Amino acid sequence: MKKWIQRLWLDESGQDMAEYTLLIVLIAIAAVGSVTAFGTNASAGLSNAAVGINTGLGGGP
């Protein structure tokens, strides 16, 4: 049992996979944050544009 734990502790074959997984998770978090921030700003901008178009056509807000 002791040799198995020692071999498992020293084995680095899965280290690259863990690093890639961590990198993918960090990129996904950044992407979700960016989309959330951009989505809020885009929604406000499109609402303003719709009001401007509606007002220009003689409609009310």
PDB file of N, CA and C in Angstrom:
ATOM      1  N   MET A   1       0.829  -1.192   0.000  1.00  0.00           N
ATOM      2  CA  MET A   1       0.000   0.000   0.000  1.00  0.00           C
ATOM      3  C   MET A   1       0.873   1.255   0.000  1.00  0.00           C
ATOM      4  N   LYS A   2       1.924   1.226   0.811  1.00  0.00           N
ATOM      5  CA  LYS A   2       2.810   2.389   0.893  1.00  0.00           C
ATOM      6  C   LYS A   2       3.478   2.661  -0.453  1.00  0.00           C
ATOM      7  N   LYS A   3       3.911   1.591  -1.144  1.00  0.00           N
ATOM      8  CA  LYS A   3       4.555   1.780  -2.450  1.00  0.00           C
ATOM      9  C   LYS A   3       3.558   2.307  -3.483  1.00  0.00           C
ATOM     10  N   TRP A   4       2.318   1.853  -3.407  1.00  0.00           N
ATOM     11  CA  TRP A   4       1.294   2.315  -4.339  1.00  0.00           C
ATOM     12  C   TRP A   4       1.033   3.810  -4.153  1.00  0.00           C
ATOM     13  N   ILE A   5       0.926   4.258  -2.907  1.00  0.00           N
ATOM     14  CA  ILE A   5       0.703   5.681  -2.622  1.00  0.00           C
ATOM     15  C   ILE A   5       1.906   6.499  -3.056  1.00  0.00           C
ATOM     16  N   GLN A   6       3.101   5.979  -2.804  1.00  0.00           N
ATOM     17  CA  GLN A   6       4.309   6.696  -3.203  1.00  0.00           C
ATOM     18  C   GLN A   6       4.386   6.808  -4.727  1.00  0.00           C
ATOM     19  N   ARG A   7       4.065   5.716  -5.425  1.00  0.00           N
ATOM     20  CA  ARG A   7       4.080   5.743  -6.892  1.00  0.00           C
ATOM     21  C   ARG A   7       3.027   6.717  -7.431  1.00  0.00           C
ATOM     22  N   LEU A   8       1.861   6.704  -6.812  1.00  0.00           N
ATOM     23  CA  LEU A   8       0.794   7.616  -7.224  1.00  0.00           C
ATOM     24  C   LEU A   8       1.198   9.066  -6.990  1.00  0.00           C
ATOM     25  N   TRP A   9       1.861   9.335  -5.871  1.00  0.00           N
ATOM     26  CA  TRP A   9       2.287  10.685  -5.517  1.00  0.00           C
ATOM     27  C   TRP A   9       3.335  11.206  -6.500  1.00  0.00           C
ATOM     28  N   LEU A  10       4.227  10.323  -6.943  1.00  0.00           N
ATOM     29  CA  LEU A  10       5.314  10.733  -7.826  1.00  0.00           C
ATOM     30  C   LEU A  10       4.927  10.709  -9.304  1.00  0.00           C
ATOM     31  N   ASP A  11       3.825  10.092  -9.641  1.00  0.00           N
ATOM     32  CA  ASP A  11       3.381  10.000 -11.026  1.00  0.00           C
ATOM     33  C   ASP A  11       2.902  11.368 -11.503  1.00  0.00           C
ATOM     34  N   GLU A  12       3.466  11.851 -12.598  1.00  0.00           N
ATOM     35  CA  GLU A  12       3.110  13.163 -13.131  1.00  0.00           C
ATOM     36  C   GLU A  12       2.410  13.060 -14.481  1.00  0.00           C
ATOM     37  N   SER A  13       1.916  11.901 -14.833  1.00  0.00           N
ATOM     38  CA  SER A  13       1.320  11.733 -16.157  1.00  0.00           C
ATOM     39  C   SER A  13       0.023  12.511 -16.316  1.00  0.00           C
ATOM     40  N   GLY A  14      -0.717  12.752 -15.246  1.00  0.00           N
ATOM     41  CA  GLY A  14      -1.962  13.497 -15.332  1.00  0.00           C
ATOM     42  C   GLY A  14      -1.806  14.981 -15.079  1.00  0.00           C
ATOM     43  N   GLN A  15      -0.595  15.431 -14.849  1.00  0.00           N
ATOM     44  CA  GLN A  15      -0.364  16.832 -14.513  1.00  0.00           C
ATOM     45  C   GLN A  15      -0.747  17.758 -15.664  1.00  0.00           C
ATOM     46  N   ASP A  16      -0.388  17.403 -16.881  1.00  0.00           N
ATOM     47  CA  ASP A  16      -0.732  18.248 -18.034  1.00  0.00           C
ATOM     48  C   ASP A  16      -2.235  18.367 -18.200  1.00  0.00           C
ATOM     49  N   MET A  17      -2.952  17.282 -18.005  1.00  0.00           N
ATOM     50  CA  MET A  17      -4.407  17.298 -18.149  1.00  0.00           C
ATOM     51  C   MET A  17      -5.030  18.235 -17.113  1.00  0.00           C
ATOM     52  N   ALA A  18      -4.514  18.211 -15.892  1.00  0.00           N
ATOM     53  CA  ALA A  18      -5.042  19.093 -14.852  1.00  0.00           C
ATOM     54  C   ALA A  18      -4.776  20.557 -15.197  1.00  0.00           C
ATOM     55  N   GLU A  19      -3.615  20.837 -15.730  1.00  0.00           N
ATOM     56  CA  GLU A  19      -3.286  22.218 -16.111  1.00  0.00           C
ATOM     57  C   GLU A  19      -4.172  22.691 -17.252  1.00  0.00           C
ATOM     58  N   TYR A  20      -4.393  21.845 -18.243  1.00  0.00           N
ATOM     59  CA  TYR A  20      -5.266  22.219 -19.351  1.00  0.00           C
ATOM     60  C   TYR A  20      -6.698  22.412 -18.884  1.00  0.00           C
ATOM     61  N   THR A  21      -7.138  21.569 -17.975  1.00  0.00           N
ATOM     62  CA  THR A  21      -8.487  21.707 -17.438  1.00  0.00           C
ATOM     63  C   THR A  21      -8.642  23.016 -16.697  1.00  0.00           C
ATOM     64  N   LEU A  22      -7.664  23.358 -15.880  1.00  0.00           N
ATOM     65  CA  LEU A  22      -7.700  24.623 -15.153  1.00  0.00           C
ATOM     66  C   LEU A  22      -7.709  25.803 -16.121  1.00  0.00           C
ATOM     67  N   LEU A  23      -6.915  25.736 -17.162  1.00  0.00           N
ATOM     68  CA  LEU A  23      -6.867  26.804 -18.158  1.00  0.00           C
ATOM     69  C   LEU A  23      -8.212  26.962 -18.862  1.00  0.00           C
ATOM     70  N   ILE A  24      -8.843  25.855 -19.220  1.00  0.00           N
ATOM     71  CA  ILE A  24     -10.145  25.903 -19.881  1.00  0.00           C
ATOM     72  C   ILE A  24     -11.201  26.494 -18.957  1.00  0.00           C
ATOM     73  N   VAL A  25     -11.153  26.123 -17.680  1.00  0.00           N
ATOM     74  CA  VAL A  25     -12.116  26.663 -16.714  1.00  0.00           C
ATOM     75  C   VAL A  25     -11.940  28.169 -16.570  1.00  0.00           C
ATOM     76  N   LEU A  26     -10.703  28.641 -16.479  1.00  0.00           N
ATOM     77  CA  LEU A  26     -10.464  30.087 -16.357  1.00  0.00           C
ATOM     78  C   LEU A  26     -10.919  30.835 -17.608  1.00  0.00           C
ATOM     79  N   ILE A  27     -10.689  30.279 -18.782  1.00  0.00           N
ATOM     80  CA  ILE A  27     -11.145  30.911 -20.021  1.00  0.00           C
ATOM     81  C   ILE A  27     -12.668  30.949 -20.069  1.00  0.00           C
ATOM     82  N   ALA A  28     -13.319  29.885 -19.622  1.00  0.00           N
ATOM     83  CA  ALA A  28     -14.782  29.850 -19.611  1.00  0.00           C
ATOM     84  C   ALA A  28     -15.349  30.900 -18.657  1.00  0.00           C
ATOM     85  N   ILE A  29     -14.730  31.064 -17.499  1.00  0.00           N
ATOM     86  CA  ILE A  29     -15.191  32.083 -16.546  1.00  0.00           C
ATOM     87  C   ILE A  29     -15.038  33.475 -17.146  1.00  0.00           C
ATOM     88  N   ALA A  30     -13.911  33.728 -17.804  1.00  0.00           N
ATOM     89  CA  ALA A  30     -13.700  35.028 -18.444  1.00  0.00           C
ATOM     90  C   ALA A  30     -14.707  35.249 -19.571  1.00  0.00           C
ATOM     91  N   ALA A  31     -15.007  34.216 -20.334  1.00  0.00           N
ATOM     92  CA  ALA A  31     -15.961  34.345 -21.434  1.00  0.00           C
ATOM     93  C   ALA A  31     -17.361  34.646 -20.911  1.00  0.00           C
ATOM     94  N   VAL A  32     -17.775  33.956 -19.869  1.00  0.00           N
ATOM     95  CA  VAL A  32     -19.105  34.202 -19.309  1.00  0.00           C
ATOM     96  C   VAL A  32     -19.195  35.616 -18.756  1.00  0.00           C
ATOM     97  N   GLY A  33     -18.153  36.072 -18.083  1.00  0.00           N
ATOM     98  CA  GLY A  33     -18.146  37.441 -17.564  1.00  0.00           C
ATOM     99  C   GLY A  33     -18.209  38.479 -18.673  1.00  0.00           C
ATOM    100  N   SER A  34     -17.473  38.245 -19.745  1.00  0.00           N
ATOM    101  CA  SER A  34     -17.471  39.181 -20.873  1.00  0.00           C
ATOM    102  C   SER A  34     -18.830  39.228 -21.559  1.00  0.00           C
ATOM    103  N   VAL A  35     -19.415  38.067 -21.789  1.00  0.00           N
ATOM    104  CA  VAL A  35     -20.716  38.020 -22.448  1.00  0.00           C
ATOM    105  C   VAL A  35     -21.782  38.676 -21.590  1.00  0.00           C
ATOM    106  N   THR A  36     -21.707  38.464 -20.292  1.00  0.00           N
ATOM    107  CA  THR A  36     -22.678  39.087 -19.392  1.00  0.00           C
ATOM    108  C   THR A  36     -22.559  40.606 -19.428  1.00  0.00           C
ATOM    109  N   ALA A  37     -21.347  41.119 -19.334  1.00  0.00           N
ATOM    110  CA  ALA A  37     -21.141  42.576 -19.361  1.00  0.00           C
ATOM    111  C   ALA A  37     -21.525  43.150 -20.718  1.00  0.00           C
ATOM    112  N   PHE A  38     -21.112  42.499 -21.794  1.00  0.00           N
ATOM    113  CA  PHE A  38     -21.417  42.997 -23.126  1.00  0.00           C
ATOM    114  C   PHE A  38     -22.909  42.913 -23.405  1.00  0.00           C
ATOM    115  N   GLY A  39     -23.552  41.862 -22.939  1.00  0.00           N
ATOM    116  CA  GLY A  39     -24.982  41.687 -23.169  1.00  0.00           C
ATOM    117  C   GLY A  39     -25.805  42.785 -22.535  1.00  0.00           C
ATOM    118  N   THR A  40     -25.437  43.201 -21.334  1.00  0.00           N
ATOM    119  CA  THR A  40     -26.145  44.289 -20.651  1.00  0.00           C
ATOM    120  C   THR A  40     -25.985  45.591 -21.422  1.00  0.00           C
ATOM    121  N   ASN A  41     -24.771  45.892 -21.841  1.00  0.00           N
ATOM    122  CA  ASN A  41     -24.525  47.125 -22.591  1.00  0.00           C
ATOM    123  C   ASN A  41     -25.208  47.086 -23.960  1.00  0.00           C
ATOM    124  N   ALA A  42     -25.183  45.937 -24.614  1.00  0.00           N
ATOM    125  CA  ALA A  42     -25.815  45.822 -25.925  1.00  0.00           C
ATOM    126  C   ALA A  42     -27.328  45.977 -25.814  1.00  0.00           C
ATOM    127  N   SER A  43     -27.907  45.416 -24.762  1.00  0.00           N
ATOM    128  CA  SER A  43     -29.348  45.526 -24.568  1.00  0.00           C
ATOM    129  C   SER A  43     -29.760  46.983 -24.371  1.00  0.00           C
ATOM    130  N   ALA A  44     -29.000  47.714 -23.561  1.00  0.00           N
ATOM    131  CA  ALA A  44     -29.309  49.126 -23.327  1.00  0.00           C
ATOM    132  C   ALA A  44     -29.148  49.931 -24.623  1.00  0.00           C
ATOM    133  N   GLY A  45     -28.106  49.643 -25.375  1.00  0.00           N
ATOM    134  CA  GLY A  45     -27.888  50.352 -26.638  1.00  0.00           C
ATOM    135  C   GLY A  45     -28.974  50.080 -27.654  1.00  0.00           C
ATOM    136  N   LEU A  46     -29.406  48.845 -27.756  1.00  0.00           N
ATOM    137  CA  LEU A  46     -30.471  48.518 -28.701  1.00  0.00           C
ATOM    138  C   LEU A  46     -31.806  49.126 -28.274  1.00  0.00           C
ATOM    139  N   SER A  47     -32.049  49.191 -26.970  1.00  0.00           N
ATOM    140  CA  SER A  47     -33.270  49.835 -26.484  1.00  0.00           C
ATOM    141  C   SER A  47     -33.271  51.317 -26.831  1.00  0.00           C
ATOM    142  N   ASN A  48     -32.147  51.967 -26.652  1.00  0.00           N
ATOM    143  CA  ASN A  48     -32.040  53.387 -27.009  1.00  0.00           C
ATOM    144  C   ASN A  48     -32.231  53.596 -28.505  1.00  0.00           C
ATOM    145  N   ALA A  49     -31.670  52.706 -29.306  1.00  0.00           N
ATOM    146  CA  ALA A  49     -31.824  52.816 -30.753  1.00  0.00           C
ATOM    147  C   ALA A  49     -33.288  52.617 -31.155  1.00  0.00           C
ATOM    148  N   ALA A  50     -33.970  51.678 -30.520  1.00  0.00           N
ATOM    149  CA  ALA A  50     -35.381  51.432 -30.831  1.00  0.00           C
ATOM    150  C   ALA A  50     -36.237  52.639 -30.471  1.00  0.00           C
ATOM    151  N   VAL A  51     -35.951  53.256 -29.327  1.00  0.00           N
ATOM    152  CA  VAL A  51     -36.699  54.456 -28.935  1.00  0.00           C
ATOM    153  C   VAL A  51     -36.436  55.579 -29.933  1.00  0.00           C
ATOM    154  N   GLY A  52     -35.189  55.720 -30.346  1.00  0.00           N
ATOM    155  CA  GLY A  52     -34.853  56.763 -31.318  1.00  0.00           C
ATOM    156  C   GLY A  52     -35.542  56.542 -32.651  1.00  0.00           C
ATOM    157  N   ILE A  53     -35.586  55.320 -33.102  1.00  0.00           N
ATOM    158  CA  ILE A  53     -36.250  55.021 -34.376  1.00  0.00           C
ATOM    159  C   ILE A  53     -37.754  55.252 -34.248  1.00  0.00           C
ATOM    160  N   ASN A  54     -38.320  54.804 -33.142  1.00  0.00           N
ATOM    161  CA  ASN A  54     -39.756  54.956 -32.921  1.00  0.00           C
ATOM    162  C   ASN A  54     -40.128  56.440 -32.834  1.00  0.00           C
ATOM    163  N   THR A  55     -39.304  57.221 -32.157  1.00  0.00           N
ATOM    164  CA  THR A  55     -39.550  58.659 -32.052  1.00  0.00           C
ATOM    165  C   THR A  55     -39.415  59.332 -33.416  1.00  0.00           C
ATOM    166  N   GLY A  56     -38.436  58.922 -34.188  1.00  0.00           N
ATOM    167  CA  GLY A  56     -38.225  59.489 -35.522  1.00  0.00           C
ATOM    168  C   GLY A  56     -39.370  59.180 -36.472  1.00  0.00           C
ATOM    169  N   LEU A  57     -40.062  58.087 -36.245  1.00  0.00           N
ATOM    170  CA  LEU A  57     -41.185  57.713 -37.105  1.00  0.00           C
ATOM    171  C   LEU A  57     -42.494  58.324 -36.624  1.00  0.00           C
ATOM    172  N   GLY A  58     -42.452  59.102 -35.563  1.00  0.00           N
ATOM    173  CA  GLY A  58     -43.655  59.785 -35.079  1.00  0.00           C
ATOM    174  C   GLY A  58     -44.364  59.028 -33.974  1.00  0.00           C
ATOM    175  N   GLY A  59     -43.799  57.955 -33.490  1.00  0.00           N
ATOM    176  CA  GLY A  59     -44.422  57.192 -32.400  1.00  0.00           C
ATOM    177  C   GLY A  59     -43.942  57.698 -31.053  1.00  0.00           C
ATOM    178  N   GLY A  60     -44.564  57.242 -30.038  1.00  0.00           N
ATOM    179  CA  GLY A  60     -44.157  57.630 -28.684  1.00  0.00           C
ATOM    180  C   GLY A  60     -43.297  56.558 -28.058  1.00  0.00           C
ATOM    181  N   PRO A  61     -42.684  56.851 -26.904  1.00  0.00           N
ATOM    182  CA  PRO A  61     -41.822  55.873 -26.248  1.00  0.00           C
ATOM    183  C   PRO A  61     -42.543  54.702 -25.670  1.00  0.00           C
TER     184      PRO A  61
END
